[in-house]
C-alpha atoms as a PDB file:
ATOM      1  CA  MET A   1     107.492 104.407  96.719  1.00  0.00           C
ATOM      2  CA  THR A   2     108.076 100.605  97.678  1.00  0.00           C
ATOM      3  CA  ARG A   3     105.261  98.470  96.200  1.00  0.00           C
ATOM      4  CA  LEU A   4     103.471  96.153  99.028  1.00  0.00           C
ATOM      5  CA  GLN A   5     104.366  92.181  98.510  1.00  0.00           C
ATOM      6  CA  GLU A   6     101.396  89.970  99.227  1.00  0.00           C
ATOM      7  CA  ALA A   7     103.687  87.441 100.291  1.00  0.00           C
ATOM      8  CA  PRO A   8     104.148  86.731 104.188  1.00  0.00           C
ATOM      9  CA  PRO A   9     108.099  88.172 105.384  1.00  0.00           C
ATOM     10  CA  PRO A  10     109.977  85.678 107.230  1.00  0.00           C
ATOM     11  CA  ASP A  11     110.601  85.581 110.891  1.00  0.00           C
ATOM     12  CA  ARG A  12     113.109  87.822 111.900  1.00  0.00           C
ATOM     13  CA  GLY A  13     113.627  91.714 113.143  1.00  0.00           C
ATOM     14  CA  ILE A  14     111.488  94.247 111.269  1.00  0.00           C
ATOM     15  CA  ARG A  15     109.393  91.865 109.147  1.00  0.00           C
ATOM     16  CA  GLY A  16     109.118  89.084 111.424  1.00  0.00           C
ATOM     17  CA  SER A  17     107.481  91.052 113.987  1.00  0.00           C
ATOM     18  CA  ALA A  18     105.230  92.694 111.500  1.00  0.00           C
ATOM     19  CA  ALA A  19     104.154  89.205 110.325  1.00  0.00           C
ATOM     20  CA  THR A  20     102.713  88.061 113.599  1.00  0.00           C
ATOM     21  CA  ALA A  21     100.602  91.299 113.591  1.00  0.00           C
ATOM     22  CA  GLY A  22      98.809  90.776 110.350  1.00  0.00           C
ATOM     23  CA  VAL A  23     100.736  93.523 108.583  1.00  0.00           C
ATOM     24  CA  SER A  24     100.870  92.594 104.781  1.00  0.00           C
ATOM     25  CA  TYR A  25     104.492  93.529 104.675  1.00  0.00           C
ATOM     26  CA  VAL A  26     107.133  95.892 106.044  1.00  0.00           C
ATOM     27  CA  ARG A  27     109.861  96.955 103.849  1.00  0.00           C
ATOM     28  CA  SER A  28     113.352  99.225 104.318  1.00  0.00           C
ATOM     29  CA  VAL A  29     113.288 100.406 101.108  1.00  0.00           C
ATOM     30  CA  GLN A  30     117.255 100.735 101.618  1.00  0.00           C
ATOM     31  CA  GLU A  31     116.727  96.345 101.230  1.00  0.00           C
ATOM     32  CA  ASP A  32     115.157  96.860  97.596  1.00  0.00           C
ATOM     33  CA  ARG A  33     117.189  98.140  94.888  1.00  0.00           C
ATOM     34  CA  ARG A  34     114.654  95.416  91.909  1.00  0.00           C
ATOM     35  CA  SER A  35     112.858  98.770  91.115  1.00  0.00           C
ATOM     36  CA  THR A  36     114.328 101.621  90.094  1.00  0.00           C
ATOM     37  CA  SER A  37     111.234 103.576  89.967  1.00  0.00           C
ATOM     38  CA  ALA A  38     111.560 103.710  93.909  1.00  0.00           C
ATOM     39  CA  TRP A  39     114.804 104.525  93.650  1.00  0.00           C
ATOM     40  CA  ALA A  40     114.524 107.930  91.287  1.00  0.00           C
ATOM     41  CA  GLU A  41     112.713 109.790  93.438  1.00  0.00           C
ATOM     42  CA  VAL A  42     114.518 108.262  97.487  1.00  0.00           C
ATOM     43  CA  PRO A  43     117.560 110.214  98.019  1.00  0.00           C
ATOM     44  CA  ALA A  44     120.713 108.462  98.911  1.00  0.00           C
ATOM     45  CA  ALA A  45     120.790 108.996 102.231  1.00  0.00           C
ATOM     46  CA  SER A  46     116.887 107.908 102.840  1.00  0.00           C
ATOM     47  CA  HIS A  47     114.949 104.741 104.519  1.00  0.00           C
ATOM     48  CA  ALA A  48     111.451 103.864 104.529  1.00  0.00           C
ATOM     49  CA  CYS A  49     109.267 101.453 105.843  1.00  0.00           C
ATOM     50  CA  GLN A  50     105.861 100.579 104.918  1.00  0.00           C
ATOM     51  CA  ALA A  51     103.319  98.524 106.077  1.00  0.00           C
ATOM     52  CA  ALA A  52      99.337  97.902 105.445  1.00  0.00           C
ATOM     53  CA  LEU A  53      97.613  97.258 108.093  1.00  0.00           C
ATOM     54  CA  LEU A  54      93.782  96.022 108.005  1.00  0.00           C
ATOM     55  CA  PRO A  55      91.551  98.067 110.430  1.00  0.00           C
ATOM     56  CA  ASP A  56      92.035  95.985 113.437  1.00  0.00           C
ATOM     57  CA  LEU A  57      93.317  97.198 116.722  1.00  0.00           C
ATOM     58  CA  ARG A  58      95.636  94.048 117.522  1.00  0.00           C
ATOM     59  CA  VAL A  59      97.903  95.493 115.106  1.00  0.00           C
ATOM     60  CA  VAL A  60      98.597  98.786 117.372  1.00  0.00           C
ATOM     61  CA  ALA A  61     100.439  97.008 119.741  1.00  0.00           C
ATOM     62  CA  VAL A  62     102.808  95.817 117.124  1.00  0.00           C
ATOM     63  CA  MET A  63     103.597  98.681 115.218  1.00  0.00           C
ATOM     64  CA  PRO A  64     105.613  99.759 117.920  1.00  0.00           C
ATOM     65  CA  GLN A  65     107.707  97.132 117.611  1.00  0.00           C
ATOM     66  CA  VAL A  66     108.276  97.418 113.822  1.00  0.00           C
ATOM     67  CA  ALA A  67     109.074 101.277 113.874  1.00  0.00           C
ATOM     68  CA  ARG A  68     111.664 101.136 117.148  1.00  0.00           C
ATOM     69  CA  ALA A  69     113.432  97.894 115.174  1.00  0.00           C
ATOM     70  CA  PHE A  70     113.530 100.129 112.328  1.00  0.00           C
ATOM     71  CA  LEU A  71     114.629 103.320 113.991  1.00  0.00           C
ATOM     72  CA  ARG A  72     117.386 101.654 115.589  1.00  0.00           C
ATOM     73  CA  ARG A  73     118.171 100.216 112.458  1.00  0.00           C
ATOM     74  CA  CYS A  74     118.441 103.681 110.833  1.00  0.00           C
ATOM     75  CA  ARG A  75     120.694 105.116 113.981  1.00  0.00           C
ATOM     76  CA  VAL A  76     117.484 107.286 114.816  1.00  0.00           C
ATOM     77  CA  SER A  77     118.434 108.880 118.686  1.00  0.00           C
ATOM     78  CA  LYS A  78     116.949 106.561 121.171  1.00  0.00           C
ATOM     79  CA  PRO A  79     115.016 109.910 122.722  1.00  0.00           C
ATOM     80  CA  VAL A  80     113.598 111.187 119.226  1.00  0.00           C
ATOM     81  CA  ALA A  81     113.364 106.994 118.718  1.00  0.00           C
ATOM     82  CA  GLU A  82     110.912 107.352 121.095  1.00  0.00           C
ATOM     83  CA  PHE A  83     108.753 109.852 120.477  1.00  0.00           C
ATOM     84  CA  VAL A  84     108.128 108.928 116.960  1.00  0.00           C
ATOM     85  CA  VAL A  85     107.110 105.228 118.508  1.00  0.00           C
ATOM     86  CA  LEU A  86     104.760 107.140 120.514  1.00  0.00           C
ATOM     87  CA  ALA A  87     103.566 108.703 117.588  1.00  0.00           C
ATOM     88  CA  VAL A  88     103.052 105.890 115.084  1.00  0.00           C
ATOM     89  CA  SER A  89     100.998 104.001 118.100  1.00  0.00           C
ATOM     90  CA  GLU A  90      98.972 107.427 118.125  1.00  0.00           C
ATOM     91  CA  LEU A  91      98.480 108.061 114.629  1.00  0.00           C
ATOM     92  CA  VAL A  92      97.691 104.030 113.262  1.00  0.00           C
ATOM     93  CA  THR A  93      95.428 104.135 116.640  1.00  0.00           C
ATOM     94  CA  ASN A  94      93.189 107.241 115.311  1.00  0.00           C
ATOM     95  CA  ALA A  95      92.917 105.709 111.710  1.00  0.00           C
ATOM     96  CA  VAL A  96      92.114 102.040 113.263  1.00  0.00           C
ATOM     97  CA  ILE A  97      89.316 103.734 115.464  1.00  0.00           C
ATOM     98  CA  HIS A  98      88.259 106.836 112.674  1.00  0.00           C
ATOM     99  CA  GLY A  99      89.382 105.460 109.359  1.00  0.00           C
ATOM    100  CA  GLU A 100      88.373 103.850 107.003  1.00  0.00           C
ATOM    101  CA  GLY A 101      89.351 101.072 104.875  1.00  0.00           C
ATOM    102  CA  GLU A 102      92.777  99.410 105.361  1.00  0.00           C
ATOM    103  CA  VAL A 103      95.317 101.479 106.914  1.00  0.00           C
ATOM    104  CA  ILE A 104      99.113 102.222 105.288  1.00  0.00           C
ATOM    105  CA  VAL A 105     101.985 103.535 107.647  1.00  0.00           C
ATOM    106  CA  GLN A 106     105.128 104.929 106.124  1.00  0.00           C
ATOM    107  CA  ILE A 107     108.297 106.288 108.162  1.00  0.00           C
ATOM    108  CA  THR A 108     111.075 107.759 106.439  1.00  0.00           C
ATOM    109  CA  VAL A 109     113.606 109.050 107.730  1.00  0.00           C
ATOM    110  CA  ALA A 110     115.583 111.398 105.578  1.00  0.00           C
ATOM    111  CA  GLY A 111     118.727 113.169 106.584  1.00  0.00           C
ATOM    112  CA  ASP A 112     117.503 114.724 109.667  1.00  0.00           C
ATOM    113  CA  VAL A 113     114.082 114.367 109.469  1.00  0.00           C
ATOM    114  CA  VAL A 114     112.035 111.473 110.478  1.00  0.00           C
ATOM    115  CA  ARG A 115     108.669 111.184 108.743  1.00  0.00           C
ATOM    116  CA  VAL A 116     105.568 109.235 110.204  1.00  0.00           C
ATOM    117  CA  SER A 117     102.823 109.554 107.339  1.00  0.00           C
ATOM    118  CA  VAL A 118      99.597 106.975 108.121  1.00  0.00           C
ATOM    119  CA  THR A 119      97.221 106.790 105.271  1.00  0.00           C
ATOM    120  CA  ASP A 120      93.304 105.746 105.156  1.00  0.00           C
ATOM    121  CA  HIS A 121      90.367 106.389 103.207  1.00  0.00           C
ATOM    122  CA  ASN A 122      88.318 108.341 106.075  1.00  0.00           C
ATOM    123  CA  PRO A 123      88.141 111.707 103.953  1.00  0.00           C
ATOM    124  CA  VAL A 124      87.816 113.267 107.431  1.00  0.00           C
ATOM    125  CA  PRO A 125      90.745 115.035 109.133  1.00  0.00           C
ATOM    126  CA  ALA A 126      91.844 114.345 111.841  1.00  0.00           C
ATOM    127  CA  ALA A 127      91.614 118.014 114.357  1.00  0.00           C
ATOM    128  CA  LEU A 128      93.288 118.492 118.129  1.00  0.00           C
ATOM    129  CA  LYS A 129      90.225 117.704 120.018  1.00  0.00           C
ATOM    130  CA  GLU A 130      89.918 118.725 124.074  1.00  0.00           C
ATOM    131  CA  ALA A 131      88.841 115.631 126.237  1.00  0.00           C
ATOM    132  CA  GLY A 132      87.641 115.925 128.890  1.00  0.00           C
ATOM    133  CA  ARG A 133      89.279 114.545 132.164  1.00  0.00           C
ATOM    134  CA  ASP A 134      87.262 111.313 132.444  1.00  0.00           C
ATOM    135  CA  ARG A 135      87.230 111.132 129.346  1.00  0.00           C
ATOM    136  CA  GLU A 136      89.482 107.578 128.467  1.00  0.00           C
ATOM    137  CA  SER A 137      90.198 108.801 124.337  1.00  0.00           C
ATOM    138  CA  GLY A 138      90.723 111.840 122.792  1.00  0.00           C
ATOM    139  CA  ARG A 139      93.705 112.975 123.459  1.00  0.00           C
ATOM    140  CA  GLY A 140      96.115 111.451 120.931  1.00  0.00           C
ATOM    141  CA  ILE A 141      96.038 114.102 118.093  1.00  0.00           C
ATOM    142  CA  ARG A 142      97.034 117.009 120.509  1.00  0.00           C
ATOM    143  CA  LEU A 143      99.809 113.996 121.712  1.00  0.00           C
ATOM    144  CA  VAL A 144     101.319 114.212 118.604  1.00  0.00           C
ATOM    145  CA  ASP A 145     100.782 118.036 118.205  1.00  0.00           C
ATOM    146  CA  ALA A 146     103.252 118.611 121.479  1.00  0.00           C
ATOM    147  CA  ILE A 147     105.974 115.802 120.543  1.00  0.00           C
ATOM    148  CA  SER A 148     105.827 116.073 116.981  1.00  0.00           C
ATOM    149  CA  ASP A 149     108.098 119.713 115.512  1.00  0.00           C
ATOM    150  CA  ALA A 150     105.464 119.340 112.607  1.00  0.00           C
ATOM    151  CA  TRP A 151     101.806 117.793 111.417  1.00  0.00           C
ATOM    152  CA  GLU A 152      98.798 117.818 109.370  1.00  0.00           C
ATOM    153  CA  SER A 153      96.109 115.852 108.198  1.00  0.00           C
ATOM    154  CA  ASN A 154      94.260 116.483 104.628  1.00  0.00           C
ATOM    155  CA  GLY A 155      91.627 113.875 105.370  1.00  0.00           C
ATOM    156  CA  GLU A 156      93.251 110.533 104.429  1.00  0.00           C
ATOM    157  CA  GLU A 157      96.439 111.401 105.266  1.00  0.00           C
ATOM    158  CA  THR A 158      97.641 112.455 108.761  1.00  0.00           C
ATOM    159  CA  TRP A 159     101.623 113.047 108.876  1.00  0.00           C
ATOM    160  CA  CYS A 160     104.750 113.990 111.569  1.00  0.00           C
ATOM    161  CA  GLU A 161     107.978 115.353 111.507  1.00  0.00           C
ATOM    162  CA  PHE A 162     110.582 114.654 113.784  1.00  0.00           C
ATOM    163  CA  ARG A 163     114.157 116.549 113.706  1.00  0.00           C
ATOM    164  CA  ASP A 164     116.901 114.232 114.635  1.00  0.00           C
ATOM    165  CA  ALA A 165     120.481 115.372 114.498  1.00  0.00           C
ATOM    166  CA  ARG A 166     122.170 112.007 114.330  1.00  0.00           C
ATOM    167  CA  ALA A 167     119.273 110.399 112.063  1.00  0.00           C
ATOM    168  CA  ALA A 168     122.175 111.522 108.925  1.00  0.00           C
ATOM    169  CA  ALA A 169     125.034 109.997 110.424  1.00  0.00           C
END
C-alpha cells in the first residue's frame, strides 16, 4: 500500500481531478517506485489508486471521474469500468453519509480483477436494505450487490470486486 502525501497534486489527469475535489492525494502505485516496501506486496501486473477524502458530499461527484481516468489508464474494458465507477460512487456516498471521519478509497487492478475498497471509521457494517418505492435513498448497497461479482462489509471497510478479462492485458 502506498503512503498518502499532504502536498496537493499537479493539475492534470487523475491527480488534477482529485485536487479540485478536496482529495488529499491520489496516485497510481505504478508511478512511485521509490518505496520498495510498498512494491514487495504488489504483484508486477497490479495497479492501485488511493484517495483520502474529507467526509463531504462534494467529493462524491469527483471520485467517479478519478476512478474512470484510472481505469482507462489500466485498460479496463469500458462496460466493466462503468460498473466500477458506479460502485465507487455508491460506496463513497455511503461512507460519507453513514461513516465517521476520513474516507479512504482504493481501487486495485490485479490481473483480471478490479477491486474497490472504501474505508471509514464507523464499525457498523454496510447492509442490504429494502427501500420503499418513494424513498430517495437506501438502494446503494443493493446496487453494488447487483453489479459486482462479490462484495462484503466488515464495518470499517466495504469492498467489491469485478472480473475483467481485458484488465490483465
